[in-house]
Amino acid sequence: MDIFGYGFFQNALLGVLIAGVAAAIIGTYIVTRRMVFIAGGVTHACFGGLGLGYFLGVSPIAMAALFAVASSMGVEWLSTRQQVRQDSAIAVIWALGMALGTLFIFLTPGYVPELNSFLFGNILTITTSDIVLSAVFLVVLLAFFTLFYRTIIACAFDPDFARTMNLPVAAINCTMTVLTALSIVLTIRLIGIMLLLSLFTMPQMIAENFTRKFRSMALLSVAASVVCSVAGLICSYLLNVPASSTIVIMLVAAYALARLAGNKRRKSALII
C-alpha cells in the first residue's frame, strides 16, 4: 500500500481513471458505429502533429490536438462531401500523419527526449496539469452525452430518420468526431500511439459478451476499462515494466474470460 503515498503514482492512478472513463464512452460510440479504424487513423495522424511541434519548438500535445481535429474532420469531409470511401480516407490520413511526423522529427536538430513516451506511453510522467485538462474534457464529454443522448443515438444509427425529425445530424456527428479526436490526444501520454487503439476497443469487446444495448455497453465498458487500467498500473509498478503493456494484457485477459463466460451463458440458455 506504500505506493499510493507517492505523488507520481497518485497522478498516474487519477490519469488512468479519467482516461479509462472517457475512452470507454467514446469507444462505445465508435465501436457501435463501426468506426474503429477512424480512431486508428486519427491516432497515427497525431504523430504528424507531435513531429511538427518538436520541429517548431512548441507544445507537441497542442499540435497533435490540431492534427487530430483536422484529420478527423478531413475524414468526415472526404467521406460525406467528396464521396470517398471512409476506409480509403482513413488510409490517406493515417499514412500522411506518419510520413509528416517522421519528416519533422528527422529535421528537428538534436535528440527528441519524449518521443518514446508518446509512441509507447509513460503514465508515470503525467503532471497535475495533464490531469486537470483530462478532467475538464471528461466533464464536457459527460455533459454533452447527458444533454443530447437521444439525439446522439438517433443521428448515429439512423441519420435519415433523424433528418426527417429536423435533428442537427451534421452538427452532432461533427461534435462527436472532434470529441473523439481530443480524447485520443489526451490519452496518448498514458498508453502511447502504438497501443492506444486497444483502450478504445477492448472494453467494448468485453461488454459485448453480456449486452447489446448502448447504455449498458457504455457502463460495462467503463467498469472494464477502469478495473483493467488500475490493475495494469499496479502490476507495472510491482513488475517494473511499462504500464501501457500491462494494461493491454489485462484487457486481453479480461476479454478472454468474458468470452468464456458469454459462451457458457449462451449454451446454458440454449439447453434451457
C-alpha atoms as a PDB file:
ATOM      1  CA  MET A   1       0.000   0.000   0.000  1.00  0.00           C
ATOM      2  CA  ASP A   2       3.014   2.319   0.234  1.00  0.00           C
ATOM      3  CA  ILE A   3       2.861   3.027  -3.500  1.00  0.00           C
ATOM      4  CA  PHE A   4      -0.359   5.017  -3.019  1.00  0.00           C
ATOM      5  CA  GLY A   5       1.576   7.531  -0.933  1.00  0.00           C
ATOM      6  CA  TYR A   6       3.797   8.598  -3.833  1.00  0.00           C
ATOM      7  CA  GLY A   7       2.727  11.690  -5.740  1.00  0.00           C
ATOM      8  CA  PHE A   8       3.685  10.323  -9.164  1.00  0.00           C
ATOM      9  CA  PHE A   9       1.643   7.165  -8.550  1.00  0.00           C
ATOM     10  CA  GLN A  10      -1.359   9.191  -7.398  1.00  0.00           C
ATOM     11  CA  ASN A  11      -1.164  11.219 -10.616  1.00  0.00           C
ATOM     12  CA  ALA A  12      -0.882   8.038 -12.649  1.00  0.00           C
ATOM     13  CA  LEU A  13      -3.870   6.499 -10.866  1.00  0.00           C
ATOM     14  CA  LEU A  14      -6.048   9.559 -11.419  1.00  0.00           C
ATOM     15  CA  GLY A  15      -4.884   9.672 -15.022  1.00  0.00           C
ATOM     16  CA  VAL A  16      -5.907   6.091 -15.815  1.00  0.00           C
ATOM     17  CA  LEU A  17      -9.253   6.528 -14.048  1.00  0.00           C
ATOM     18  CA  ILE A  18     -10.160   9.657 -16.024  1.00  0.00           C
ATOM     19  CA  ALA A  19      -8.785   8.341 -19.319  1.00  0.00           C
ATOM     20  CA  GLY A  20     -10.448   4.981 -18.797  1.00  0.00           C
ATOM     21  CA  VAL A  21     -13.904   6.525 -18.361  1.00  0.00           C
ATOM     22  CA  ALA A  22     -13.521   8.905 -21.312  1.00  0.00           C
ATOM     23  CA  ALA A  23     -12.086   6.232 -23.621  1.00  0.00           C
ATOM     24  CA  ALA A  24     -14.848   3.784 -22.680  1.00  0.00           C
ATOM     25  CA  ILE A  25     -17.603   6.280 -23.548  1.00  0.00           C
ATOM     26  CA  ILE A  26     -16.002   7.397 -26.806  1.00  0.00           C
ATOM     27  CA  GLY A  27     -15.035   3.811 -27.621  1.00  0.00           C
ATOM     28  CA  THR A  28     -18.629   2.603 -27.238  1.00  0.00           C
ATOM     29  CA  TYR A  29     -19.717   5.227 -29.753  1.00  0.00           C
ATOM     30  CA  ILE A  30     -17.097   4.381 -32.370  1.00  0.00           C
ATOM     31  CA  VAL A  31     -17.414   0.587 -31.913  1.00  0.00           C
ATOM     32  CA  THR A  32     -21.200   0.541 -32.223  1.00  0.00           C
ATOM     33  CA  ARG A  33     -20.979   2.833 -35.279  1.00  0.00           C
ATOM     34  CA  ARG A  34     -18.263   0.585 -36.764  1.00  0.00           C
ATOM     35  CA  MET A  35     -15.811   3.497 -36.850  1.00  0.00           C
ATOM     36  CA  VAL A  36     -12.907   1.770 -35.088  1.00  0.00           C
ATOM     37  CA  PHE A  37     -10.441   2.490 -37.854  1.00  0.00           C
ATOM     38  CA  ILE A  38     -11.101   6.226 -37.733  1.00  0.00           C
ATOM     39  CA  ALA A  39      -9.684   6.129 -34.205  1.00  0.00           C
ATOM     40  CA  GLY A  40      -6.606   4.327 -35.540  1.00  0.00           C
ATOM     41  CA  GLY A  41      -6.241   6.850 -38.350  1.00  0.00           C
ATOM     42  CA  VAL A  42      -6.534   9.846 -36.027  1.00  0.00           C
ATOM     43  CA  THR A  43      -4.125   8.249 -33.551  1.00  0.00           C
ATOM     44  CA  HIS A  44      -1.411   7.864 -36.162  1.00  0.00           C
ATOM     45  CA  ALA A  45      -2.171  11.244 -37.719  1.00  0.00           C
ATOM     46  CA  CYS A  46      -1.312  12.742 -34.317  1.00  0.00           C
ATOM     47  CA  PHE A  47       2.267  11.658 -34.939  1.00  0.00           C
ATOM     48  CA  GLY A  48       2.491  14.370 -37.587  1.00  0.00           C
ATOM     49  CA  GLY A  49       1.421  16.972 -35.030  1.00  0.00           C
ATOM     50  CA  LEU A  50       3.944  15.719 -32.499  1.00  0.00           C
ATOM     51  CA  GLY A  51       6.728  15.950 -35.073  1.00  0.00           C
ATOM     52  CA  LEU A  52       5.698  19.460 -36.130  1.00  0.00           C
ATOM     53  CA  GLY A  53       5.545  20.565 -32.503  1.00  0.00           C
ATOM     54  CA  TYR A  54       9.101  19.379 -31.862  1.00  0.00           C
ATOM     55  CA  PHE A  55      10.299  20.966 -35.116  1.00  0.00           C
ATOM     56  CA  LEU A  56       8.732  24.364 -34.321  1.00  0.00           C
ATOM     57  CA  GLY A  57       9.636  24.242 -30.638  1.00  0.00           C
ATOM     58  CA  VAL A  58       6.023  24.484 -29.454  1.00  0.00           C
ATOM     59  CA  SER A  59       3.846  22.150 -27.383  1.00  0.00           C
ATOM     60  CA  PRO A  60       3.707  18.748 -29.131  1.00  0.00           C
ATOM     61  CA  ILE A  61       0.374  17.959 -27.469  1.00  0.00           C
ATOM     62  CA  ALA A  62      -1.199  21.183 -28.764  1.00  0.00           C
ATOM     63  CA  MET A  63      -0.013  20.458 -32.300  1.00  0.00           C
ATOM     64  CA  ALA A  64      -1.160  16.851 -32.004  1.00  0.00           C
ATOM     65  CA  ALA A  65      -4.609  18.118 -30.981  1.00  0.00           C
ATOM     66  CA  LEU A  66      -4.741  20.366 -34.057  1.00  0.00           C
ATOM     67  CA  PHE A  67      -3.696  17.481 -36.312  1.00  0.00           C
ATOM     68  CA  ALA A  68      -6.195  15.141 -34.655  1.00  0.00           C
ATOM     69  CA  VAL A  69      -9.142  17.507 -35.100  1.00  0.00           C
ATOM     70  CA  ALA A  70      -8.087  18.414 -38.647  1.00  0.00           C
ATOM     71  CA  SER A  71      -7.609  14.770 -39.665  1.00  0.00           C
ATOM     72  CA  SER A  72     -10.916  13.638 -38.150  1.00  0.00           C
ATOM     73  CA  MET A  73     -12.755  16.477 -39.875  1.00  0.00           C
ATOM     74  CA  GLY A  74     -10.886  15.653 -43.076  1.00  0.00           C
ATOM     75  CA  VAL A  75     -12.100  12.061 -42.976  1.00  0.00           C
ATOM     76  CA  GLU A  76     -15.656  13.232 -42.312  1.00  0.00           C
ATOM     77  CA  TRP A  77     -15.472  15.748 -45.189  1.00  0.00           C
ATOM     78  CA  LEU A  78     -13.979  13.273 -47.685  1.00  0.00           C
ATOM     79  CA  SER A  79     -16.473  10.533 -46.862  1.00  0.00           C
ATOM     80  CA  THR A  80     -19.612  12.717 -46.826  1.00  0.00           C
ATOM     81  CA  ARG A  81     -18.905  15.523 -49.304  1.00  0.00           C
ATOM     82  CA  GLN A  82     -16.410  14.017 -51.748  1.00  0.00           C
ATOM     83  CA  GLN A  83     -17.939  10.518 -51.922  1.00  0.00           C
ATOM     84  CA  VAL A  84     -14.638   8.904 -50.908  1.00  0.00           C
ATOM     85  CA  ARG A  85     -14.942   5.585 -49.083  1.00  0.00           C
ATOM     86  CA  GLN A  86     -14.308   6.120 -45.395  1.00  0.00           C
ATOM     87  CA  ASP A  87     -11.684   3.386 -45.132  1.00  0.00           C
ATOM     88  CA  SER A  88      -9.797   4.928 -48.077  1.00  0.00           C
ATOM     89  CA  ALA A  89      -9.952   8.402 -46.499  1.00  0.00           C
ATOM     90  CA  ILE A  90      -8.657   6.996 -43.197  1.00  0.00           C
ATOM     91  CA  ALA A  91      -5.770   5.276 -45.008  1.00  0.00           C
ATOM     92  CA  VAL A  92      -4.737   8.590 -46.574  1.00  0.00           C
ATOM     93  CA  ILE A  93      -4.860  10.462 -43.251  1.00  0.00           C
ATOM     94  CA  TRP A  94      -3.049   7.622 -41.453  1.00  0.00           C
ATOM     95  CA  ALA A  95      -0.188   7.494 -43.961  1.00  0.00           C
ATOM     96  CA  LEU A  96       0.144  11.284 -44.260  1.00  0.00           C
ATOM     97  CA  GLY A  97       0.337  11.783 -40.486  1.00  0.00           C
ATOM     98  CA  MET A  98       3.038   9.159 -40.037  1.00  0.00           C
ATOM     99  CA  ALA A  99       5.010  10.499 -43.014  1.00  0.00           C
ATOM    100  CA  LEU A 100       4.885  14.102 -41.770  1.00  0.00           C
ATOM    101  CA  GLY A 101       5.803  13.046 -38.231  1.00  0.00           C
ATOM    102  CA  THR A 102       8.820  11.099 -39.461  1.00  0.00           C
ATOM    103  CA  LEU A 103       9.914  14.008 -41.663  1.00  0.00           C
ATOM    104  CA  PHE A 104       9.644  16.695 -38.965  1.00  0.00           C
ATOM    105  CA  ILE A 105      11.358  14.586 -36.299  1.00  0.00           C
ATOM    106  CA  PHE A 106      14.225  13.877 -38.720  1.00  0.00           C
ATOM    107  CA  LEU A 107      14.546  17.623 -39.407  1.00  0.00           C
ATOM    108  CA  THR A 108      14.455  18.535 -35.706  1.00  0.00           C
ATOM    109  CA  PRO A 109      18.013  19.184 -34.503  1.00  0.00           C
ATOM    110  CA  GLY A 110      19.240  17.147 -31.554  1.00  0.00           C
ATOM    111  CA  TYR A 111      17.585  14.298 -29.700  1.00  0.00           C
ATOM    112  CA  VAL A 112      13.811  14.214 -29.126  1.00  0.00           C
ATOM    113  CA  PRO A 113      13.613  13.166 -25.465  1.00  0.00           C
ATOM    114  CA  GLU A 114       9.880  12.480 -25.034  1.00  0.00           C
ATOM    115  CA  LEU A 115       9.283  10.674 -28.324  1.00  0.00           C
ATOM    116  CA  ASN A 116       9.256   7.212 -26.749  1.00  0.00           C
ATOM    117  CA  SER A 117       6.689   8.391 -24.201  1.00  0.00           C
ATOM    118  CA  PHE A 118       4.304   9.370 -26.976  1.00  0.00           C
ATOM    119  CA  LEU A 119       4.955   6.234 -29.009  1.00  0.00           C
ATOM    120  CA  PHE A 120       4.783   3.655 -26.215  1.00  0.00           C
ATOM    121  CA  GLY A 121       3.313   5.596 -23.298  1.00  0.00           C
ATOM    122  CA  ASN A 122       4.737   6.554 -19.925  1.00  0.00           C
ATOM    123  CA  ILE A 123       1.940   7.079 -17.483  1.00  0.00           C
ATOM    124  CA  LEU A 124       4.272   7.901 -14.595  1.00  0.00           C
ATOM    125  CA  THR A 125       5.315  11.158 -16.299  1.00  0.00           C
ATOM    126  CA  ILE A 126       1.882  12.811 -16.381  1.00  0.00           C
ATOM    127  CA  THR A 127       1.549  16.009 -14.380  1.00  0.00           C
ATOM    128  CA  THR A 128      -1.199  17.692 -12.399  1.00  0.00           C
ATOM    129  CA  SER A 129      -1.951  19.981 -15.336  1.00  0.00           C
ATOM    130  CA  ASP A 130      -2.457  16.915 -17.563  1.00  0.00           C
ATOM    131  CA  ILE A 131      -4.935  15.518 -15.046  1.00  0.00           C
ATOM    132  CA  VAL A 132      -6.833  18.808 -14.784  1.00  0.00           C
ATOM    133  CA  LEU A 133      -7.076  19.065 -18.566  1.00  0.00           C
ATOM    134  CA  SER A 134      -8.308  15.478 -18.850  1.00  0.00           C
ATOM    135  CA  ALA A 135     -10.833  16.043 -16.049  1.00  0.00           C
ATOM    136  CA  VAL A 136     -12.228  19.138 -17.771  1.00  0.00           C
ATOM    137  CA  PHE A 137     -12.582  17.194 -21.004  1.00  0.00           C
ATOM    138  CA  LEU A 138     -14.372  14.352 -19.179  1.00  0.00           C
ATOM    139  CA  VAL A 139     -16.836  16.799 -17.626  1.00  0.00           C
ATOM    140  CA  VAL A 140     -17.565  18.312 -21.050  1.00  0.00           C
ATOM    141  CA  LEU A 141     -17.979  14.843 -22.569  1.00  0.00           C
ATOM    142  CA  LEU A 142     -20.362  13.662 -19.841  1.00  0.00           C
ATOM    143  CA  ALA A 143     -22.370  16.900 -20.049  1.00  0.00           C
ATOM    144  CA  PHE A 144     -22.703  16.589 -23.833  1.00  0.00           C
ATOM    145  CA  PHE A 145     -23.847  12.960 -23.608  1.00  0.00           C
ATOM    146  CA  THR A 146     -26.281  13.752 -20.800  1.00  0.00           C
ATOM    147  CA  LEU A 147     -27.887  16.654 -22.661  1.00  0.00           C
ATOM    148  CA  PHE A 148     -28.001  15.132 -26.145  1.00  0.00           C
ATOM    149  CA  TYR A 149     -28.022  11.368 -25.528  1.00  0.00           C
ATOM    150  CA  ARG A 150     -31.162  10.562 -27.543  1.00  0.00           C
ATOM    151  CA  THR A 151     -30.124  12.901 -30.331  1.00  0.00           C
ATOM    152  CA  ILE A 152     -26.651  11.338 -30.491  1.00  0.00           C
ATOM    153  CA  ILE A 153     -28.137   7.841 -30.738  1.00  0.00           C
ATOM    154  CA  ALA A 154     -30.643   8.867 -33.417  1.00  0.00           C
ATOM    155  CA  CYS A 155     -28.038  10.668 -35.521  1.00  0.00           C
ATOM    156  CA  ALA A 156     -25.528   7.840 -35.179  1.00  0.00           C
ATOM    157  CA  PHE A 157     -27.710   4.857 -36.043  1.00  0.00           C
ATOM    158  CA  ASP A 158     -30.494   6.260 -38.249  1.00  0.00           C
ATOM    159  CA  PRO A 159     -29.352   9.583 -39.754  1.00  0.00           C
ATOM    160  CA  ASP A 160     -32.059   9.580 -42.422  1.00  0.00           C
ATOM    161  CA  PHE A 161     -34.824   9.343 -39.819  1.00  0.00           C
ATOM    162  CA  ALA A 162     -33.029  11.975 -37.720  1.00  0.00           C
ATOM    163  CA  ARG A 163     -33.052  14.362 -40.680  1.00  0.00           C
ATOM    164  CA  THR A 164     -36.788  13.885 -41.143  1.00  0.00           C
ATOM    165  CA  MET A 165     -37.170  14.857 -37.489  1.00  0.00           C
ATOM    166  CA  ASN A 166     -35.119  18.026 -38.164  1.00  0.00           C
ATOM    167  CA  LEU A 167     -32.323  16.899 -35.862  1.00  0.00           C
ATOM    168  CA  PRO A 168     -28.883  18.512 -36.386  1.00  0.00           C
ATOM    169  CA  VAL A 169     -27.222  15.379 -37.790  1.00  0.00           C
ATOM    170  CA  ALA A 170     -24.176  17.126 -39.260  1.00  0.00           C
ATOM    171  CA  ALA A 171     -23.535  19.174 -36.118  1.00  0.00           C
ATOM    172  CA  ILE A 172     -23.865  16.169 -33.781  1.00  0.00           C
ATOM    173  CA  ASN A 173     -21.629  13.924 -35.887  1.00  0.00           C
ATOM    174  CA  CYS A 174     -19.067  16.712 -36.258  1.00  0.00           C
ATOM    175  CA  THR A 175     -19.022  17.320 -32.498  1.00  0.00           C
ATOM    176  CA  MET A 176     -18.601  13.619 -31.763  1.00  0.00           C
ATOM    177  CA  THR A 177     -15.764  13.448 -34.274  1.00  0.00           C
ATOM    178  CA  VAL A 178     -13.967  16.328 -32.561  1.00  0.00           C
ATOM    179  CA  LEU A 179     -14.527  14.818 -29.100  1.00  0.00           C
ATOM    180  CA  THR A 180     -13.120  11.515 -30.350  1.00  0.00           C
ATOM    181  CA  ALA A 181     -10.020  13.279 -31.670  1.00  0.00           C
ATOM    182  CA  LEU A 182      -9.451  15.191 -28.414  1.00  0.00           C
ATOM    183  CA  SER A 183      -9.950  12.066 -26.316  1.00  0.00           C
ATOM    184  CA  ILE A 184      -7.292  10.292 -28.368  1.00  0.00           C
ATOM    185  CA  VAL A 185      -4.818  13.146 -27.916  1.00  0.00           C
ATOM    186  CA  LEU A 186      -5.333  13.291 -24.156  1.00  0.00           C
ATOM    187  CA  THR A 187      -4.787   9.533 -23.861  1.00  0.00           C
ATOM    188  CA  ILE A 188      -1.582   9.362 -25.928  1.00  0.00           C
ATOM    189  CA  ARG A 189       0.706  10.153 -22.984  1.00  0.00           C
ATOM    190  CA  LEU A 190      -0.828   7.338 -20.932  1.00  0.00           C
ATOM    191  CA  ILE A 191      -0.627   4.373 -23.261  1.00  0.00           C
ATOM    192  CA  GLY A 192       1.160   5.576 -26.386  1.00  0.00           C
ATOM    193  CA  ILE A 193       0.295   5.748 -30.059  1.00  0.00           C
ATOM    194  CA  MET A 194       1.177   2.104 -30.693  1.00  0.00           C
ATOM    195  CA  LEU A 195      -1.235   0.654 -28.109  1.00  0.00           C
ATOM    196  CA  LEU A 196      -3.858   3.375 -27.745  1.00  0.00           C
ATOM    197  CA  LEU A 197      -6.445   1.771 -30.024  1.00  0.00           C
ATOM    198  CA  SER A 198      -6.840  -1.118 -27.560  1.00  0.00           C
ATOM    199  CA  LEU A 199      -8.187   1.219 -24.872  1.00  0.00           C
ATOM    200  CA  PHE A 200     -10.941   2.351 -27.275  1.00  0.00           C
ATOM    201  CA  THR A 201     -11.977  -1.137 -28.408  1.00  0.00           C
ATOM    202  CA  MET A 202     -11.157  -3.866 -25.872  1.00  0.00           C
ATOM    203  CA  PRO A 203     -13.556  -2.731 -23.078  1.00  0.00           C
ATOM    204  CA  GLN A 204     -16.384  -2.682 -25.625  1.00  0.00           C
ATOM    205  CA  MET A 205     -15.469  -6.175 -26.844  1.00  0.00           C
ATOM    206  CA  ILE A 206     -15.667  -7.313 -23.220  1.00  0.00           C
ATOM    207  CA  ALA A 207     -19.062  -5.658 -22.742  1.00  0.00           C
ATOM    208  CA  GLU A 208     -20.483  -7.112 -25.979  1.00  0.00           C
ATOM    209  CA  ASN A 209     -20.382 -10.570 -24.403  1.00  0.00           C
ATOM    210  CA  PHE A 210     -23.091  -9.515 -21.955  1.00  0.00           C
ATOM    211  CA  THR A 211     -25.216  -6.824 -23.625  1.00  0.00           C
ATOM    212  CA  ARG A 212     -26.026  -5.204 -26.957  1.00  0.00           C
ATOM    213  CA  LYS A 213     -27.699  -2.067 -25.638  1.00  0.00           C
ATOM    214  CA  PHE A 214     -25.708   1.150 -25.985  1.00  0.00           C
ATOM    215  CA  ARG A 215     -26.230   2.443 -22.445  1.00  0.00           C
ATOM    216  CA  SER A 216     -25.465  -0.902 -20.793  1.00  0.00           C
ATOM    217  CA  MET A 217     -22.457  -1.430 -23.036  1.00  0.00           C
ATOM    218  CA  ALA A 218     -21.089   2.002 -22.133  1.00  0.00           C
ATOM    219  CA  LEU A 219     -21.443   1.331 -18.402  1.00  0.00           C
ATOM    220  CA  LEU A 220     -19.846  -2.120 -18.639  1.00  0.00           C
ATOM    221  CA  SER A 221     -17.067  -0.684 -20.798  1.00  0.00           C
ATOM    222  CA  VAL A 222     -16.335   1.976 -18.174  1.00  0.00           C
ATOM    223  CA  ALA A 223     -16.156  -0.700 -15.462  1.00  0.00           C
ATOM    224  CA  ALA A 224     -13.898  -2.966 -17.534  1.00  0.00           C
ATOM    225  CA  SER A 225     -11.648  -0.091 -18.582  1.00  0.00           C
ATOM    226  CA  VAL A 226     -11.210   1.239 -15.038  1.00  0.00           C
ATOM    227  CA  VAL A 227     -10.604  -2.168 -13.434  1.00  0.00           C
ATOM    228  CA  CYS A 228      -8.111  -3.327 -16.086  1.00  0.00           C
ATOM    229  CA  SER A 229      -6.301   0.019 -16.167  1.00  0.00           C
ATOM    230  CA  VAL A 230      -5.853   0.172 -12.388  1.00  0.00           C
ATOM    231  CA  ALA A 231      -4.835  -3.499 -12.221  1.00  0.00           C
ATOM    232  CA  GLY A 232      -2.379  -2.985 -15.087  1.00  0.00           C
ATOM    233  CA  LEU A 233      -0.897   0.084 -13.401  1.00  0.00           C
ATOM    234  CA  ILE A 234      -0.332  -1.773 -10.116  1.00  0.00           C
ATOM    235  CA  CYS A 235       1.192  -4.763 -11.929  1.00  0.00           C
ATOM    236  CA  SER A 236       3.524  -2.484 -13.884  1.00  0.00           C
ATOM    237  CA  TYR A 237       4.800  -0.984 -10.632  1.00  0.00           C
ATOM    238  CA  LEU A 238       5.296  -4.371  -8.985  1.00  0.00           C
ATOM    239  CA  LEU A 239       6.990  -5.904 -12.045  1.00  0.00           C
ATOM    240  CA  ASN A 240       8.861  -2.726 -13.040  1.00  0.00           C
ATOM    241  CA  VAL A 241       7.597  -2.843 -16.643  1.00  0.00           C
ATOM    242  CA  PRO A 242       5.763  -0.249 -18.792  1.00  0.00           C
ATOM    243  CA  ALA A 243       2.181   0.328 -17.670  1.00  0.00           C
ATOM    244  CA  SER A 244       0.899   0.507 -21.250  1.00  0.00           C
ATOM    245  CA  SER A 245       1.833  -3.132 -21.872  1.00  0.00           C
ATOM    246  CA  THR A 246       0.335  -4.473 -18.639  1.00  0.00           C
ATOM    247  CA  ILE A 247      -2.906  -2.525 -19.182  1.00  0.00           C
ATOM    248  CA  VAL A 248      -3.332  -4.039 -22.651  1.00  0.00           C
ATOM    249  CA  ILE A 249      -2.512  -7.526 -21.328  1.00  0.00           C
ATOM    250  CA  MET A 250      -5.131  -7.087 -18.587  1.00  0.00           C
ATOM    251  CA  LEU A 251      -7.707  -6.030 -21.182  1.00  0.00           C
ATOM    252  CA  VAL A 252      -6.954  -9.046 -23.373  1.00  0.00           C
ATOM    253  CA  ALA A 253      -7.122 -11.413 -20.380  1.00  0.00           C
ATOM    254  CA  ALA A 254     -10.438  -9.880 -19.291  1.00  0.00           C
ATOM    255  CA  TYR A 255     -11.797 -10.303 -22.816  1.00  0.00           C
ATOM    256  CA  ALA A 256     -10.797 -13.970 -22.859  1.00  0.00           C
ATOM    257  CA  LEU A 257     -12.600 -14.554 -19.548  1.00  0.00           C
ATOM    258  CA  ALA A 258     -15.645 -12.577 -20.712  1.00  0.00           C
ATOM    259  CA  ARG A 259     -15.735 -14.597 -23.925  1.00  0.00           C
ATOM    260  CA  LEU A 260     -15.702 -17.857 -21.999  1.00  0.00           C
ATOM    261  CA  ALA A 261     -18.419 -16.611 -19.645  1.00  0.00           C
ATOM    262  CA  GLY A 262     -20.521 -15.368 -22.560  1.00  0.00           C
ATOM    263  CA  ASN A 263     -20.248 -18.685 -24.438  1.00  0.00           C
ATOM    264  CA  LYS A 264     -21.162 -20.621 -21.296  1.00  0.00           C
ATOM    265  CA  ARG A 265     -24.178 -18.373 -20.698  1.00  0.00           C
ATOM    266  CA  ARG A 266     -25.379 -18.795 -24.274  1.00  0.00           C
ATOM    267  CA  LYS A 267     -25.007 -22.588 -24.129  1.00  0.00           C
ATOM    268  CA  SER A 268     -26.998 -22.669 -20.879  1.00  0.00           C
ATOM    269  CA  ALA A 269     -29.745 -20.586 -22.486  1.00  0.00           C
ATOM    270  CA  LEU A 270     -29.929 -22.997 -25.444  1.00  0.00           C
ATOM    271  CA  ILE A 271     -30.183 -26.042 -23.148  1.00  0.00           C
ATOM    272  CA  ILE A 272     -32.992 -24.419 -21.162  1.00  0.00           C
END
